[in-house]
Amino acid sequence: MRRKNVKFIIGGAIIAIAIIYLVYSGIQKTALYYLTVSEFRNRGDEAYGEVVRVNGKVLDGSIQWNSQEGALYFTIIDQENILPIIHRGVAPDTFKGGAEVVVEGRYAPEDIFEADKIMAKCPSKYEAQKDAG
């Protein structure tokens, strides 16, 4: 009887370890935080080809729609750096110049970030109004 109990305990431990490993590796793959434009630029050659998220503000006047390519071109900025973006697809309703966005995609060798997703932050109309007086 003791030998059967030991086998069950070892088998259960192996299954538990496998489940914990699968949960942990799944969380690591989906836990993709974002970088600022400057942090992304500081990565240098490491940035090419890797899927990342980058946060910045859309530079006013930089938004251009190319209907022939079906591509949206724009630039995001932070206090120190700029990053040109191309996105093929529909932009969120809140996307506009000056809006804070997070783009997810890959950096191409042509010095342009190819965004698969654009996530625009909520507009300021949801913030509390300041007193006028």
N, C-alpha and C. Protein backbone atom coordinates (compact mmCIF):
# COMPACT_ATOMS: atom_id res chain seq x y z
N MET A 1 0.81 -1.20 0.00
CA MET A 1 0.00 0.00 0.00
C MET A 1 0.86 1.26 0.00
N ARG A 2 1.93 1.23 0.74
CA ARG A 2 2.78 2.42 0.82
C ARG A 2 3.34 2.79 -0.54
N ARG A 3 3.70 1.79 -1.32
CA ARG A 3 4.29 2.04 -2.63
C ARG A 3 3.29 2.73 -3.56
N LYS A 4 2.01 2.34 -3.49
CA LYS A 4 0.97 2.98 -4.30
C LYS A 4 0.79 4.44 -3.89
N ASN A 5 0.81 4.70 -2.59
CA ASN A 5 0.67 6.08 -2.11
C ASN A 5 1.80 6.96 -2.60
N VAL A 6 3.01 6.44 -2.58
CA VAL A 6 4.17 7.20 -3.05
C VAL A 6 4.03 7.51 -4.54
N LYS A 7 3.56 6.55 -5.33
CA LYS A 7 3.37 6.77 -6.77
C LYS A 7 2.32 7.86 -7.01
N PHE A 8 1.23 7.81 -6.25
CA PHE A 8 0.19 8.83 -6.40
C PHE A 8 0.70 10.22 -6.01
N ILE A 9 1.47 10.27 -4.96
CA ILE A 9 2.02 11.55 -4.51
C ILE A 9 2.98 12.11 -5.55
N ILE A 10 3.86 11.28 -6.07
CA ILE A 10 4.81 11.72 -7.09
C ILE A 10 4.07 12.13 -8.36
N GLY A 11 3.10 11.33 -8.78
CA GLY A 11 2.30 11.66 -9.97
C GLY A 11 1.55 12.97 -9.80
N GLY A 12 0.96 13.16 -8.63
CA GLY A 12 0.24 14.41 -8.35
C GLY A 12 1.17 15.60 -8.35
N ALA A 13 2.36 15.43 -7.78
CA ALA A 13 3.33 16.52 -7.75
C ALA A 13 3.78 16.90 -9.16
N ILE A 14 3.99 15.90 -10.01
CA ILE A 14 4.40 16.17 -11.39
C ILE A 14 3.30 16.93 -12.13
N ILE A 15 2.06 16.51 -11.94
CA ILE A 15 0.93 17.19 -12.59
C ILE A 15 0.81 18.62 -12.08
N ALA A 16 0.95 18.82 -10.77
CA ALA A 16 0.86 20.16 -10.19
C ALA A 16 1.96 21.06 -10.72
N ILE A 17 3.18 20.55 -10.82
CA ILE A 17 4.30 21.33 -11.34
C ILE A 17 4.05 21.69 -12.81
N ALA A 18 3.53 20.75 -13.58
CA ALA A 18 3.24 21.02 -15.00
C ALA A 18 2.19 22.11 -15.14
N ILE A 19 1.15 22.06 -14.33
CA ILE A 19 0.09 23.08 -14.38
C ILE A 19 0.65 24.44 -13.99
N ILE A 20 1.43 24.49 -12.93
CA ILE A 20 2.03 25.76 -12.49
C ILE A 20 2.93 26.33 -13.59
N TYR A 21 3.72 25.48 -14.23
CA TYR A 21 4.59 25.94 -15.31
C TYR A 21 3.78 26.51 -16.48
N LEU A 22 2.71 25.82 -16.88
CA LEU A 22 1.88 26.29 -17.99
C LEU A 22 1.22 27.63 -17.66
N VAL A 23 0.72 27.78 -16.46
CA VAL A 23 0.11 29.05 -16.05
C VAL A 23 1.15 30.16 -16.05
N TYR A 24 2.31 29.90 -15.48
CA TYR A 24 3.37 30.90 -15.41
C TYR A 24 3.84 31.33 -16.81
N SER A 25 4.08 30.36 -17.69
CA SER A 25 4.55 30.71 -19.04
C SER A 25 3.47 31.44 -19.82
N GLY A 26 2.21 31.11 -19.60
CA GLY A 26 1.12 31.82 -20.26
C GLY A 26 1.03 33.26 -19.81
N ILE A 27 1.22 33.49 -18.53
CA ILE A 27 1.18 34.85 -17.99
C ILE A 27 2.36 35.66 -18.53
N GLN A 28 3.52 35.05 -18.63
CA GLN A 28 4.70 35.77 -19.12
C GLN A 28 4.51 36.22 -20.56
N LYS A 29 3.85 35.39 -21.39
CA LYS A 29 3.66 35.74 -22.79
C LYS A 29 2.63 36.85 -22.96
N THR A 30 1.63 36.89 -22.10
CA THR A 30 0.58 37.90 -22.24
C THR A 30 0.86 39.15 -21.43
N ALA A 31 1.80 39.11 -20.52
CA ALA A 31 2.10 40.27 -19.68
C ALA A 31 3.08 41.18 -20.41
N LEU A 32 2.59 41.84 -21.44
CA LEU A 32 3.42 42.70 -22.27
C LEU A 32 3.19 44.14 -21.86
N TYR A 33 4.11 44.72 -21.12
CA TYR A 33 3.96 46.11 -20.70
C TYR A 33 4.44 47.02 -21.83
N TYR A 34 4.29 48.31 -21.66
CA TYR A 34 4.74 49.20 -22.72
C TYR A 34 5.95 50.02 -22.30
N LEU A 35 6.68 50.44 -23.32
CA LEU A 35 7.86 51.28 -23.16
C LEU A 35 7.51 52.70 -23.58
N THR A 36 8.24 53.67 -23.08
CA THR A 36 8.11 55.03 -23.60
C THR A 36 8.88 55.08 -24.93
N VAL A 37 8.67 56.14 -25.69
CA VAL A 37 9.39 56.29 -26.95
C VAL A 37 10.90 56.30 -26.69
N SER A 38 11.33 57.01 -25.66
CA SER A 38 12.77 57.09 -25.34
C SER A 38 13.33 55.73 -24.94
N GLU A 39 12.60 54.98 -24.10
CA GLU A 39 13.06 53.64 -23.71
C GLU A 39 13.18 52.74 -24.93
N PHE A 40 12.22 52.85 -25.83
CA PHE A 40 12.26 52.04 -27.05
C PHE A 40 13.46 52.42 -27.91
N ARG A 41 13.69 53.71 -28.10
CA ARG A 41 14.83 54.17 -28.90
C ARG A 41 16.16 53.74 -28.29
N ASN A 42 16.24 53.70 -26.97
CA ASN A 42 17.49 53.32 -26.29
C ASN A 42 17.82 51.84 -26.47
N ARG A 43 16.88 51.05 -26.91
CA ARG A 43 17.14 49.62 -27.12
C ARG A 43 18.03 49.37 -28.33
N GLY A 44 18.12 50.32 -29.23
CA GLY A 44 18.98 50.19 -30.40
C GLY A 44 18.58 49.03 -31.29
N ASP A 45 19.56 48.24 -31.72
CA ASP A 45 19.32 47.12 -32.63
C ASP A 45 18.47 46.01 -32.02
N GLU A 46 18.40 45.96 -30.69
CA GLU A 46 17.58 44.94 -30.03
C GLU A 46 16.10 45.13 -30.35
N ALA A 47 15.72 46.31 -30.77
CA ALA A 47 14.31 46.63 -31.01
C ALA A 47 13.76 46.00 -32.29
N TYR A 48 14.61 45.67 -33.24
CA TYR A 48 14.14 45.17 -34.54
C TYR A 48 13.48 43.81 -34.43
N GLY A 49 12.28 43.70 -35.02
CA GLY A 49 11.60 42.42 -35.16
C GLY A 49 10.84 41.92 -33.95
N GLU A 50 11.07 42.46 -32.79
CA GLU A 50 10.43 41.99 -31.56
C GLU A 50 9.09 42.70 -31.37
N VAL A 51 8.05 41.97 -30.96
CA VAL A 51 6.75 42.58 -30.70
C VAL A 51 6.81 43.32 -29.38
N VAL A 52 6.53 44.62 -29.43
CA VAL A 52 6.56 45.46 -28.23
C VAL A 52 5.39 46.44 -28.27
N ARG A 53 5.13 47.05 -27.12
CA ARG A 53 4.17 48.14 -27.02
C ARG A 53 4.93 49.41 -26.67
N VAL A 54 4.58 50.50 -27.34
CA VAL A 54 5.24 51.78 -27.10
C VAL A 54 4.18 52.84 -26.83
N ASN A 55 4.40 53.64 -25.79
CA ASN A 55 3.47 54.69 -25.39
C ASN A 55 4.02 56.06 -25.78
N GLY A 56 3.15 56.91 -26.30
CA GLY A 56 3.54 58.27 -26.62
C GLY A 56 2.34 59.10 -27.01
N LYS A 57 2.57 60.37 -27.30
CA LYS A 57 1.51 61.26 -27.76
C LYS A 57 1.62 61.41 -29.27
N VAL A 58 0.46 61.45 -29.93
CA VAL A 58 0.44 61.64 -31.38
C VAL A 58 0.83 63.09 -31.67
N LEU A 59 1.86 63.26 -32.47
CA LEU A 59 2.34 64.59 -32.83
C LEU A 59 1.29 65.30 -33.67
N ASP A 60 0.88 66.48 -33.23
CA ASP A 60 -0.11 67.27 -33.99
C ASP A 60 0.38 67.50 -35.41
N GLY A 61 -0.50 67.31 -36.38
CA GLY A 61 -0.17 67.53 -37.79
C GLY A 61 0.56 66.38 -38.46
N SER A 62 0.82 65.30 -37.75
CA SER A 62 1.59 64.19 -38.33
C SER A 62 0.70 63.10 -38.94
N ILE A 63 -0.59 63.15 -38.72
CA ILE A 63 -1.48 62.08 -39.18
C ILE A 63 -1.74 62.22 -40.67
N GLN A 64 -1.42 61.16 -41.42
CA GLN A 64 -1.65 61.13 -42.87
C GLN A 64 -2.24 59.78 -43.26
N TRP A 65 -3.35 59.81 -44.00
CA TRP A 65 -3.99 58.59 -44.47
C TRP A 65 -3.64 58.41 -45.94
N ASN A 66 -3.08 57.26 -46.30
CA ASN A 66 -2.78 56.93 -47.68
C ASN A 66 -3.82 55.91 -48.14
N SER A 67 -4.81 56.36 -48.90
CA SER A 67 -5.91 55.47 -49.30
C SER A 67 -5.46 54.40 -50.29
N GLN A 68 -4.44 54.68 -51.10
CA GLN A 68 -3.95 53.67 -52.04
C GLN A 68 -3.31 52.49 -51.32
N GLU A 69 -2.57 52.78 -50.26
CA GLU A 69 -1.92 51.73 -49.48
C GLU A 69 -2.84 51.20 -48.39
N GLY A 70 -3.88 51.96 -48.05
CA GLY A 70 -4.73 51.59 -46.91
C GLY A 70 -3.94 51.69 -45.62
N ALA A 71 -3.10 52.72 -45.55
CA ALA A 71 -2.18 52.85 -44.41
C ALA A 71 -2.32 54.22 -43.76
N LEU A 72 -2.22 54.20 -42.45
CA LEU A 72 -2.23 55.41 -41.64
C LEU A 72 -0.81 55.67 -41.17
N TYR A 73 -0.28 56.84 -41.49
CA TYR A 73 1.05 57.24 -41.06
C TYR A 73 0.91 58.34 -40.00
N PHE A 74 1.68 58.22 -38.93
CA PHE A 74 1.70 59.27 -37.91
C PHE A 74 2.97 59.12 -37.09
N THR A 75 3.20 60.06 -36.21
CA THR A 75 4.39 60.06 -35.37
C THR A 75 3.96 60.20 -33.92
N ILE A 76 4.61 59.42 -33.04
CA ILE A 76 4.38 59.59 -31.61
C ILE A 76 5.65 60.17 -30.98
N ILE A 77 5.44 60.88 -29.89
CA ILE A 77 6.55 61.58 -29.23
C ILE A 77 6.47 61.41 -27.72
N ASP A 78 7.60 61.63 -27.08
CA ASP A 78 7.64 61.85 -25.63
C ASP A 78 8.48 63.11 -25.43
N GLN A 79 9.01 63.32 -24.26
CA GLN A 79 9.77 64.55 -24.01
C GLN A 79 11.07 64.63 -24.80
N GLU A 80 11.63 63.47 -25.20
CA GLU A 80 12.96 63.47 -25.80
C GLU A 80 13.04 62.93 -27.22
N ASN A 81 12.14 62.03 -27.62
CA ASN A 81 12.29 61.33 -28.90
C ASN A 81 10.99 61.28 -29.68
N ILE A 82 11.13 60.94 -30.98
CA ILE A 82 9.98 60.73 -31.85
C ILE A 82 10.07 59.33 -32.45
N LEU A 83 8.92 58.80 -32.87
CA LEU A 83 8.88 57.48 -33.49
C LEU A 83 7.83 57.48 -34.59
N PRO A 84 8.26 57.33 -35.88
CA PRO A 84 7.29 57.26 -36.96
C PRO A 84 6.56 55.91 -36.95
N ILE A 85 5.25 55.95 -37.21
CA ILE A 85 4.40 54.77 -37.14
C ILE A 85 3.66 54.58 -38.46
N ILE A 86 3.45 53.33 -38.86
CA ILE A 86 2.54 52.98 -39.94
C ILE A 86 1.57 51.95 -39.39
N HIS A 87 0.29 52.14 -39.71
CA HIS A 87 -0.75 51.20 -39.26
C HIS A 87 -1.68 50.93 -40.43
N ARG A 88 -1.89 49.66 -40.72
CA ARG A 88 -2.84 49.28 -41.77
C ARG A 88 -4.09 48.77 -41.07
N GLY A 89 -5.14 49.54 -41.17
CA GLY A 89 -6.37 49.17 -40.49
C GLY A 89 -7.07 50.39 -39.95
N VAL A 90 -8.07 50.14 -39.14
CA VAL A 90 -8.89 51.21 -38.60
C VAL A 90 -8.31 51.71 -37.28
N ALA A 91 -8.26 53.02 -37.14
CA ALA A 91 -7.79 53.62 -35.88
C ALA A 91 -8.97 53.77 -34.93
N PRO A 92 -8.73 53.80 -33.63
CA PRO A 92 -9.82 53.99 -32.67
C PRO A 92 -10.49 55.36 -32.85
N ASP A 93 -11.72 55.47 -32.40
CA ASP A 93 -12.47 56.72 -32.52
C ASP A 93 -11.79 57.88 -31.80
N THR A 94 -11.10 57.60 -30.72
CA THR A 94 -10.46 58.66 -29.93
C THR A 94 -9.07 59.02 -30.44
N PHE A 95 -8.64 58.43 -31.55
CA PHE A 95 -7.33 58.71 -32.13
C PHE A 95 -7.34 60.07 -32.82
N LYS A 96 -6.43 60.95 -32.41
CA LYS A 96 -6.31 62.28 -33.01
C LYS A 96 -4.97 62.87 -32.60
N GLY A 97 -4.61 63.99 -33.20
CA GLY A 97 -3.39 64.69 -32.82
C GLY A 97 -3.43 65.09 -31.36
N GLY A 98 -2.34 64.86 -30.66
CA GLY A 98 -2.25 65.19 -29.24
C GLY A 98 -2.75 64.10 -28.31
N ALA A 99 -3.39 63.07 -28.87
CA ALA A 99 -3.92 61.97 -28.04
C ALA A 99 -2.78 61.08 -27.56
N GLU A 100 -2.93 60.55 -26.36
CA GLU A 100 -1.96 59.59 -25.85
C GLU A 100 -2.36 58.21 -26.34
N VAL A 101 -1.40 57.48 -26.93
CA VAL A 101 -1.68 56.17 -27.50
C VAL A 101 -0.63 55.16 -27.06
N VAL A 102 -1.01 53.90 -27.15
CA VAL A 102 -0.07 52.79 -27.03
C VAL A 102 -0.18 52.01 -28.33
N VAL A 103 0.94 51.83 -29.02
CA VAL A 103 0.96 51.07 -30.26
C VAL A 103 1.66 49.74 -30.00
N GLU A 104 1.14 48.69 -30.62
CA GLU A 104 1.75 47.37 -30.48
C GLU A 104 2.13 46.87 -31.86
N GLY A 105 3.37 46.43 -32.00
CA GLY A 105 3.84 45.94 -33.28
C GLY A 105 5.33 45.69 -33.27
N ARG A 106 5.93 45.83 -34.47
CA ARG A 106 7.36 45.56 -34.64
C ARG A 106 8.05 46.77 -35.28
N TYR A 107 9.32 46.89 -34.97
CA TYR A 107 10.15 47.95 -35.55
C TYR A 107 10.80 47.41 -36.81
N ALA A 108 10.60 48.11 -37.92
CA ALA A 108 11.14 47.68 -39.21
C ALA A 108 12.49 48.35 -39.47
N PRO A 109 13.34 47.71 -40.27
CA PRO A 109 14.66 48.28 -40.58
C PRO A 109 14.59 49.65 -41.28
N GLU A 110 13.44 50.00 -41.85
CA GLU A 110 13.29 51.29 -42.53
C GLU A 110 13.08 52.43 -41.55
N ASP A 111 13.34 52.21 -40.28
CA ASP A 111 13.18 53.21 -39.22
C ASP A 111 11.72 53.64 -39.07
N ILE A 112 10.82 52.65 -39.17
CA ILE A 112 9.40 52.91 -38.95
C ILE A 112 8.82 51.77 -38.13
N PHE A 113 7.94 52.11 -37.22
CA PHE A 113 7.29 51.12 -36.36
C PHE A 113 6.01 50.67 -37.05
N GLU A 114 5.89 49.37 -37.32
CA GLU A 114 4.71 48.81 -37.98
C GLU A 114 3.73 48.35 -36.91
N ALA A 115 2.72 49.17 -36.66
CA ALA A 115 1.76 48.90 -35.59
C ALA A 115 0.65 47.97 -36.06
N ASP A 116 0.45 46.89 -35.32
CA ASP A 116 -0.69 46.00 -35.57
C ASP A 116 -1.92 46.50 -34.84
N LYS A 117 -1.71 47.16 -33.70
CA LYS A 117 -2.80 47.68 -32.87
C LYS A 117 -2.48 49.10 -32.44
N ILE A 118 -3.54 49.91 -32.35
CA ILE A 118 -3.44 51.25 -31.76
C ILE A 118 -4.46 51.30 -30.64
N MET A 119 -3.99 51.61 -29.45
CA MET A 119 -4.89 51.75 -28.30
C MET A 119 -4.81 53.19 -27.81
N ALA A 120 -5.90 53.93 -28.00
CA ALA A 120 -5.93 55.33 -27.58
C ALA A 120 -6.45 55.42 -26.16
N LYS A 121 -5.81 56.27 -25.37
CA LYS A 121 -6.26 56.49 -24.00
C LYS A 121 -7.59 57.23 -24.03
N CYS A 122 -8.36 57.09 -22.97
CA CYS A 122 -9.66 57.76 -22.88
C CYS A 122 -9.49 59.27 -22.94
N PRO A 123 -10.40 59.96 -23.60
CA PRO A 123 -10.29 61.42 -23.69
C PRO A 123 -10.50 62.09 -22.34
N SER A 124 -10.05 63.34 -22.26
CA SER A 124 -10.09 64.07 -20.99
C SER A 124 -11.50 64.44 -20.57
N LYS A 125 -12.51 64.23 -21.42
CA LYS A 125 -13.88 64.58 -21.03
C LYS A 125 -14.36 63.74 -19.86
N TYR A 126 -13.66 62.65 -19.56
CA TYR A 126 -14.03 61.81 -18.44
C TYR A 126 -13.38 62.25 -17.14
N GLU A 127 -12.47 63.23 -17.21
CA GLU A 127 -11.82 63.73 -16.01
C GLU A 127 -12.71 64.76 -15.33
N ALA A 128 -12.52 64.95 -14.05
CA ALA A 128 -13.30 65.93 -13.29
C ALA A 128 -12.96 67.34 -13.77
N GLN A 129 -13.97 68.19 -13.85
CA GLN A 129 -13.74 69.57 -14.26
C GLN A 129 -13.11 70.36 -13.12
N LYS A 130 -12.24 71.30 -13.48
CA LYS A 130 -11.62 72.18 -12.49
C LYS A 130 -12.54 73.37 -12.25
N ASP A 131 -12.51 73.90 -11.04
CA ASP A 131 -13.33 75.07 -10.71
C ASP A 131 -12.87 76.27 -11.52
N ALA A 132 -13.82 77.04 -12.03
CA ALA A 132 -13.51 78.20 -12.86
C ALA A 132 -13.00 79.38 -12.03
N GLY A 133 -13.30 79.41 -10.77
CA GLY A 133 -12.94 80.57 -9.95
C GLY A 133 -11.79 80.28 -9.11
